[in-house]
Amino acid sequence: MNRRAWLFQSSSAVVTSTVAATAVGMEPPGQDPEPSDNMRMLIEVHKAAYLSFGEALHGIAGGKSDPARASREEERALLAICSYAAVREGDRLAKAQYILEIEARGELDLAEHVQAVLRS
């Protein structure tokens, strides 16, 4: 079998498997663009912790919040996202986009966060 015949057969197999997966009503492997409920929850928890930290830091909560405690909670929430093993494509995309947003603000500054991302 020559290279052209092999490439033709390979491309036919890819098209056939994609068409078959679509016909059955399921997505081909690696094509789940939506994040899982777990990934969404981790991001929402971090957003809430980040908001609480900002309120505690600026005294918006009326002196009821401890900025140090709020900072630790925000760090733990971000660490949970960083260490989350994103298996689905949608999870990987959501995790990468969110971590890049955090890093763009200059807030991905703890070594633990970077190590957790690398290990996940």
N, C-alpha and C. Protein backbone atom coordinates (compact mmCIF):
# COMPACT_ATOMS: atom_id res chain seq x y z
N MET A 1 0.86 -1.17 0.00
CA MET A 1 0.00 0.00 0.00
C MET A 1 0.91 1.23 0.00
N ASN A 2 0.63 2.16 -0.89
CA ASN A 2 1.44 3.37 -0.93
C ASN A 2 0.86 4.44 -0.01
N ARG A 3 1.60 5.50 0.13
CA ARG A 3 1.23 6.58 1.05
C ARG A 3 -0.10 7.23 0.68
N ARG A 4 -0.35 7.45 -0.60
CA ARG A 4 -1.60 8.09 -1.02
C ARG A 4 -2.81 7.22 -0.69
N ALA A 5 -2.70 5.94 -0.93
CA ALA A 5 -3.80 5.03 -0.62
C ALA A 5 -4.06 5.01 0.89
N TRP A 6 -2.99 4.99 1.66
CA TRP A 6 -3.12 4.98 3.12
C TRP A 6 -3.79 6.27 3.62
N LEU A 7 -3.37 7.42 3.09
CA LEU A 7 -3.97 8.69 3.49
C LEU A 7 -5.44 8.75 3.10
N PHE A 8 -5.78 8.25 1.92
CA PHE A 8 -7.18 8.24 1.48
C PHE A 8 -8.03 7.38 2.41
N GLN A 9 -7.53 6.21 2.76
CA GLN A 9 -8.28 5.32 3.66
C GLN A 9 -8.41 5.94 5.04
N SER A 10 -7.36 6.58 5.52
CA SER A 10 -7.40 7.22 6.84
C SER A 10 -8.43 8.34 6.87
N SER A 11 -8.43 9.17 5.84
CA SER A 11 -9.39 10.28 5.82
C SER A 11 -10.81 9.76 5.67
N SER A 12 -11.00 8.69 4.94
CA SER A 12 -12.33 8.09 4.81
C SER A 12 -12.82 7.58 6.15
N ALA A 13 -11.93 6.99 6.93
CA ALA A 13 -12.31 6.47 8.24
C ALA A 13 -12.72 7.59 9.18
N VAL A 14 -12.02 8.71 9.13
CA VAL A 14 -12.36 9.85 9.98
C VAL A 14 -13.72 10.40 9.61
N VAL A 15 -13.97 10.57 8.32
CA VAL A 15 -15.26 11.09 7.87
C VAL A 15 -16.38 10.12 8.23
N THR A 16 -16.15 8.85 8.03
CA THR A 16 -17.17 7.84 8.34
C THR A 16 -17.49 7.83 9.83
N SER A 17 -16.48 7.87 10.69
CA SER A 17 -16.74 7.84 12.13
C SER A 17 -17.44 9.10 12.59
N THR A 18 -17.12 10.24 12.00
CA THR A 18 -17.78 11.49 12.37
C THR A 18 -19.24 11.48 11.93
N VAL A 19 -19.50 11.01 10.73
CA VAL A 19 -20.87 10.93 10.23
C VAL A 19 -21.67 9.94 11.06
N ALA A 20 -21.08 8.81 11.39
CA ALA A 20 -21.78 7.80 12.19
C ALA A 20 -22.10 8.34 13.57
N ALA A 21 -21.16 9.03 14.19
CA ALA A 21 -21.40 9.60 15.52
C ALA A 21 -22.50 10.64 15.47
N THR A 22 -22.52 11.45 14.44
CA THR A 22 -23.56 12.47 14.29
C THR A 22 -24.91 11.82 14.05
N ALA A 23 -24.94 10.78 13.25
CA ALA A 23 -26.19 10.09 12.94
C ALA A 23 -26.79 9.45 14.18
N VAL A 24 -25.95 8.94 15.06
CA VAL A 24 -26.43 8.31 16.29
C VAL A 24 -26.87 9.36 17.30
N GLY A 25 -26.45 10.58 17.11
CA GLY A 25 -26.85 11.66 18.01
C GLY A 25 -25.85 11.93 19.10
N MET A 26 -24.67 11.41 18.97
CA MET A 26 -23.63 11.69 19.95
C MET A 26 -22.51 12.47 19.29
N GLU A 27 -21.78 13.18 20.11
CA GLU A 27 -20.68 13.98 19.57
C GLU A 27 -19.46 13.10 19.40
N PRO A 28 -18.63 13.37 18.40
CA PRO A 28 -17.39 12.63 18.25
C PRO A 28 -16.50 12.88 19.47
N PRO A 29 -15.59 11.95 19.76
CA PRO A 29 -14.71 12.15 20.91
C PRO A 29 -13.97 13.48 20.84
N GLY A 30 -13.88 14.14 21.97
CA GLY A 30 -13.15 15.40 22.03
C GLY A 30 -13.92 16.59 21.51
N GLN A 31 -15.23 16.47 21.32
CA GLN A 31 -16.01 17.56 20.76
C GLN A 31 -17.06 18.08 21.73
N ASP A 32 -16.84 17.98 23.03
CA ASP A 32 -17.81 18.47 24.01
C ASP A 32 -17.41 19.87 24.45
N PRO A 33 -17.92 20.91 23.78
CA PRO A 33 -17.47 22.27 24.04
C PRO A 33 -17.97 22.86 25.35
N GLU A 34 -18.99 22.29 25.94
CA GLU A 34 -19.54 22.84 27.18
C GLU A 34 -18.83 22.26 28.39
N PRO A 35 -18.49 23.10 29.36
CA PRO A 35 -17.86 22.57 30.58
C PRO A 35 -18.87 21.79 31.42
N SER A 36 -18.34 20.89 32.22
CA SER A 36 -19.19 20.08 33.09
C SER A 36 -19.73 20.95 34.23
N ASP A 37 -20.72 20.41 34.92
CA ASP A 37 -21.28 21.12 36.07
C ASP A 37 -20.22 21.33 37.14
N ASN A 38 -19.31 20.36 37.31
CA ASN A 38 -18.24 20.50 38.30
C ASN A 38 -17.34 21.68 37.99
N MET A 39 -16.95 21.81 36.72
CA MET A 39 -16.07 22.92 36.33
C MET A 39 -16.79 24.25 36.50
N ARG A 40 -18.04 24.31 36.09
CA ARG A 40 -18.82 25.54 36.27
C ARG A 40 -18.92 25.92 37.75
N MET A 41 -19.17 24.91 38.60
CA MET A 41 -19.30 25.17 40.02
C MET A 41 -17.99 25.71 40.61
N LEU A 42 -16.86 25.10 40.24
CA LEU A 42 -15.57 25.57 40.74
C LEU A 42 -15.32 27.02 40.34
N ILE A 43 -15.65 27.38 39.11
CA ILE A 43 -15.46 28.76 38.65
C ILE A 43 -16.38 29.71 39.39
N GLU A 44 -17.64 29.33 39.58
CA GLU A 44 -18.58 30.19 40.31
C GLU A 44 -18.17 30.36 41.77
N VAL A 45 -17.68 29.29 42.39
CA VAL A 45 -17.22 29.39 43.78
C VAL A 45 -16.04 30.35 43.86
N HIS A 46 -15.12 30.27 42.90
CA HIS A 46 -13.98 31.18 42.92
C HIS A 46 -14.42 32.62 42.69
N LYS A 47 -15.34 32.83 41.76
CA LYS A 47 -15.82 34.20 41.51
C LYS A 47 -16.46 34.78 42.77
N ALA A 48 -17.24 33.97 43.48
CA ALA A 48 -17.87 34.44 44.72
C ALA A 48 -16.82 34.73 45.79
N ALA A 49 -15.82 33.85 45.91
CA ALA A 49 -14.75 34.06 46.89
C ALA A 49 -13.94 35.30 46.55
N TYR A 50 -13.70 35.51 45.26
CA TYR A 50 -12.95 36.69 44.82
C TYR A 50 -13.72 37.97 45.14
N LEU A 51 -15.03 37.94 44.91
CA LEU A 51 -15.88 39.08 45.22
C LEU A 51 -15.88 39.36 46.73
N SER A 52 -16.00 38.30 47.53
CA SER A 52 -15.98 38.45 48.99
C SER A 52 -14.65 39.01 49.47
N PHE A 53 -13.56 38.54 48.85
CA PHE A 53 -12.24 39.04 49.22
C PHE A 53 -12.13 40.53 48.90
N GLY A 54 -12.61 40.94 47.73
CA GLY A 54 -12.59 42.36 47.38
C GLY A 54 -13.41 43.20 48.33
N GLU A 55 -14.57 42.70 48.72
CA GLU A 55 -15.42 43.42 49.68
C GLU A 55 -14.75 43.52 51.04
N ALA A 56 -14.13 42.43 51.49
CA ALA A 56 -13.45 42.44 52.78
C ALA A 56 -12.25 43.38 52.75
N LEU A 57 -11.53 43.37 51.65
CA LEU A 57 -10.34 44.20 51.52
C LEU A 57 -10.68 45.68 51.53
N HIS A 58 -11.79 46.04 50.90
CA HIS A 58 -12.18 47.44 50.81
C HIS A 58 -13.16 47.86 51.88
N GLY A 59 -13.46 46.96 52.80
CA GLY A 59 -14.36 47.30 53.90
C GLY A 59 -15.80 47.46 53.50
N ILE A 60 -16.20 46.91 52.37
CA ILE A 60 -17.57 47.05 51.88
C ILE A 60 -18.54 46.25 52.75
N ALA A 61 -18.05 45.17 53.33
CA ALA A 61 -18.92 44.29 54.12
C ALA A 61 -19.25 44.88 55.48
N GLY A 62 -18.86 46.09 55.73
CA GLY A 62 -19.18 46.75 56.99
C GLY A 62 -18.34 46.28 58.16
N GLY A 63 -17.11 45.86 57.89
CA GLY A 63 -16.22 45.44 58.96
C GLY A 63 -16.50 44.05 59.48
N LYS A 64 -17.41 43.33 58.85
CA LYS A 64 -17.77 41.99 59.31
C LYS A 64 -16.82 40.92 58.79
N SER A 65 -16.10 41.22 57.73
CA SER A 65 -15.24 40.22 57.11
C SER A 65 -13.78 40.43 57.47
N ASP A 66 -13.07 39.33 57.57
CA ASP A 66 -11.64 39.34 57.83
C ASP A 66 -10.92 39.20 56.48
N PRO A 67 -10.18 40.23 56.06
CA PRO A 67 -9.51 40.17 54.75
C PRO A 67 -8.55 38.98 54.62
N ALA A 68 -7.85 38.63 55.69
CA ALA A 68 -6.91 37.51 55.62
C ALA A 68 -7.65 36.19 55.39
N ARG A 69 -8.76 36.01 56.08
CA ARG A 69 -9.56 34.79 55.91
C ARG A 69 -10.15 34.75 54.50
N ALA A 70 -10.66 35.88 54.04
CA ALA A 70 -11.24 35.95 52.69
C ALA A 70 -10.18 35.67 51.63
N SER A 71 -8.96 36.14 51.87
CA SER A 71 -7.86 35.89 50.95
C SER A 71 -7.54 34.39 50.88
N ARG A 72 -7.50 33.74 52.03
CA ARG A 72 -7.23 32.29 52.07
C ARG A 72 -8.33 31.51 51.35
N GLU A 73 -9.57 31.92 51.55
CA GLU A 73 -10.69 31.24 50.88
C GLU A 73 -10.60 31.40 49.36
N GLU A 74 -10.24 32.61 48.93
CA GLU A 74 -10.10 32.86 47.49
C GLU A 74 -8.95 32.02 46.92
N GLU A 75 -7.84 31.94 47.66
CA GLU A 75 -6.69 31.15 47.21
C GLU A 75 -7.06 29.67 47.11
N ARG A 76 -7.81 29.16 48.09
CA ARG A 76 -8.23 27.75 48.06
C ARG A 76 -9.17 27.49 46.88
N ALA A 77 -10.07 28.42 46.62
CA ALA A 77 -11.00 28.25 45.50
C ALA A 77 -10.25 28.24 44.17
N LEU A 78 -9.25 29.11 44.03
CA LEU A 78 -8.46 29.13 42.80
C LEU A 78 -7.60 27.87 42.70
N LEU A 79 -7.08 27.40 43.82
CA LEU A 79 -6.30 26.16 43.83
C LEU A 79 -7.15 24.97 43.39
N ALA A 80 -8.42 24.97 43.77
CA ALA A 80 -9.32 23.89 43.35
C ALA A 80 -9.48 23.88 41.83
N ILE A 81 -9.56 25.06 41.23
CA ILE A 81 -9.66 25.13 39.77
C ILE A 81 -8.35 24.68 39.13
N CYS A 82 -7.24 25.17 39.66
CA CYS A 82 -5.94 24.83 39.10
C CYS A 82 -5.65 23.34 39.17
N SER A 83 -6.09 22.68 40.22
CA SER A 83 -5.78 21.26 40.39
C SER A 83 -6.84 20.34 39.79
N TYR A 84 -7.93 20.90 39.30
CA TYR A 84 -9.01 20.10 38.71
C TYR A 84 -8.51 19.39 37.46
N ALA A 85 -8.66 18.08 37.43
CA ALA A 85 -8.24 17.29 36.26
C ALA A 85 -9.32 17.39 35.18
N ALA A 86 -9.13 18.31 34.28
CA ALA A 86 -10.11 18.57 33.22
C ALA A 86 -9.95 17.52 32.12
N VAL A 87 -10.81 16.52 32.14
CA VAL A 87 -10.73 15.43 31.18
C VAL A 87 -11.48 15.78 29.89
N ARG A 88 -12.65 16.37 30.03
CA ARG A 88 -13.45 16.73 28.86
C ARG A 88 -12.89 17.97 28.18
N GLU A 89 -13.09 18.05 26.89
CA GLU A 89 -12.58 19.20 26.13
C GLU A 89 -13.21 20.50 26.62
N GLY A 90 -14.49 20.48 26.93
CA GLY A 90 -15.16 21.68 27.43
C GLY A 90 -14.57 22.14 28.75
N ASP A 91 -14.21 21.19 29.62
CA ASP A 91 -13.58 21.53 30.89
C ASP A 91 -12.20 22.13 30.67
N ARG A 92 -11.44 21.51 29.76
CA ARG A 92 -10.09 22.02 29.49
C ARG A 92 -10.15 23.44 28.94
N LEU A 93 -11.09 23.69 28.05
CA LEU A 93 -11.23 25.02 27.46
C LEU A 93 -11.66 26.04 28.51
N ALA A 94 -12.65 25.70 29.32
CA ALA A 94 -13.13 26.62 30.35
C ALA A 94 -12.04 26.89 31.38
N LYS A 95 -11.33 25.84 31.79
CA LYS A 95 -10.26 26.00 32.78
C LYS A 95 -9.15 26.89 32.22
N ALA A 96 -8.73 26.62 31.00
CA ALA A 96 -7.65 27.41 30.39
C ALA A 96 -8.06 28.87 30.25
N GLN A 97 -9.27 29.12 29.76
CA GLN A 97 -9.71 30.50 29.58
C GLN A 97 -9.79 31.23 30.92
N TYR A 98 -10.32 30.55 31.94
CA TYR A 98 -10.47 31.20 33.24
C TYR A 98 -9.11 31.47 33.88
N ILE A 99 -8.21 30.51 33.80
CA ILE A 99 -6.88 30.71 34.39
C ILE A 99 -6.13 31.80 33.64
N LEU A 100 -6.30 31.88 32.33
CA LEU A 100 -5.66 32.96 31.58
C LEU A 100 -6.22 34.33 31.98
N GLU A 101 -7.53 34.40 32.26
CA GLU A 101 -8.11 35.66 32.74
C GLU A 101 -7.50 36.06 34.08
N ILE A 102 -7.35 35.09 34.97
CA ILE A 102 -6.77 35.35 36.29
C ILE A 102 -5.33 35.81 36.13
N GLU A 103 -4.58 35.12 35.27
CA GLU A 103 -3.18 35.45 35.06
C GLU A 103 -3.04 36.83 34.42
N ALA A 104 -3.96 37.21 33.54
CA ALA A 104 -3.91 38.52 32.88
C ALA A 104 -4.09 39.65 33.89
N ARG A 105 -4.83 39.37 34.97
CA ARG A 105 -4.98 40.36 36.04
C ARG A 105 -3.77 40.37 36.96
N GLY A 106 -2.83 39.46 36.74
CA GLY A 106 -1.63 39.38 37.57
C GLY A 106 -1.86 38.69 38.89
N GLU A 107 -2.88 37.84 38.95
CA GLU A 107 -3.25 37.23 40.22
C GLU A 107 -2.95 35.75 40.31
N LEU A 108 -2.28 35.20 39.34
CA LEU A 108 -1.87 33.80 39.42
C LEU A 108 -0.41 33.80 39.87
N ASP A 109 -0.23 34.24 41.11
CA ASP A 109 1.11 34.52 41.58
C ASP A 109 1.66 33.54 42.61
N LEU A 110 0.88 32.58 43.04
CA LEU A 110 1.37 31.62 44.02
C LEU A 110 1.95 30.39 43.31
N ALA A 111 3.07 29.93 43.79
CA ALA A 111 3.71 28.75 43.20
C ALA A 111 2.79 27.54 43.28
N GLU A 112 1.98 27.46 44.33
CA GLU A 112 1.07 26.31 44.49
C GLU A 112 0.06 26.24 43.35
N HIS A 113 -0.39 27.40 42.89
CA HIS A 113 -1.35 27.43 41.79
C HIS A 113 -0.72 26.92 40.50
N VAL A 114 0.46 27.40 40.21
CA VAL A 114 1.14 26.99 38.98
C VAL A 114 1.48 25.50 39.04
N GLN A 115 1.96 25.02 40.19
CA GLN A 115 2.27 23.60 40.34
C GLN A 115 1.02 22.74 40.18
N ALA A 116 -0.10 23.20 40.72
CA ALA A 116 -1.35 22.45 40.60
C ALA A 116 -1.80 22.36 39.15
N VAL A 117 -1.64 23.45 38.40
CA VAL A 117 -2.00 23.42 36.98
C VAL A 117 -1.11 22.41 36.25
N LEU A 118 0.17 22.44 36.52
CA LEU A 118 1.08 21.53 35.84
C LEU A 118 0.81 20.07 36.19
N ARG A 119 0.41 19.81 37.42
CA ARG A 119 0.13 18.43 37.84
C ARG A 119 -1.22 17.93 37.36
N SER A 120 -2.13 18.85 37.08
CA SER A 120 -3.47 18.41 36.65
C SER A 120 -3.39 18.01 35.21
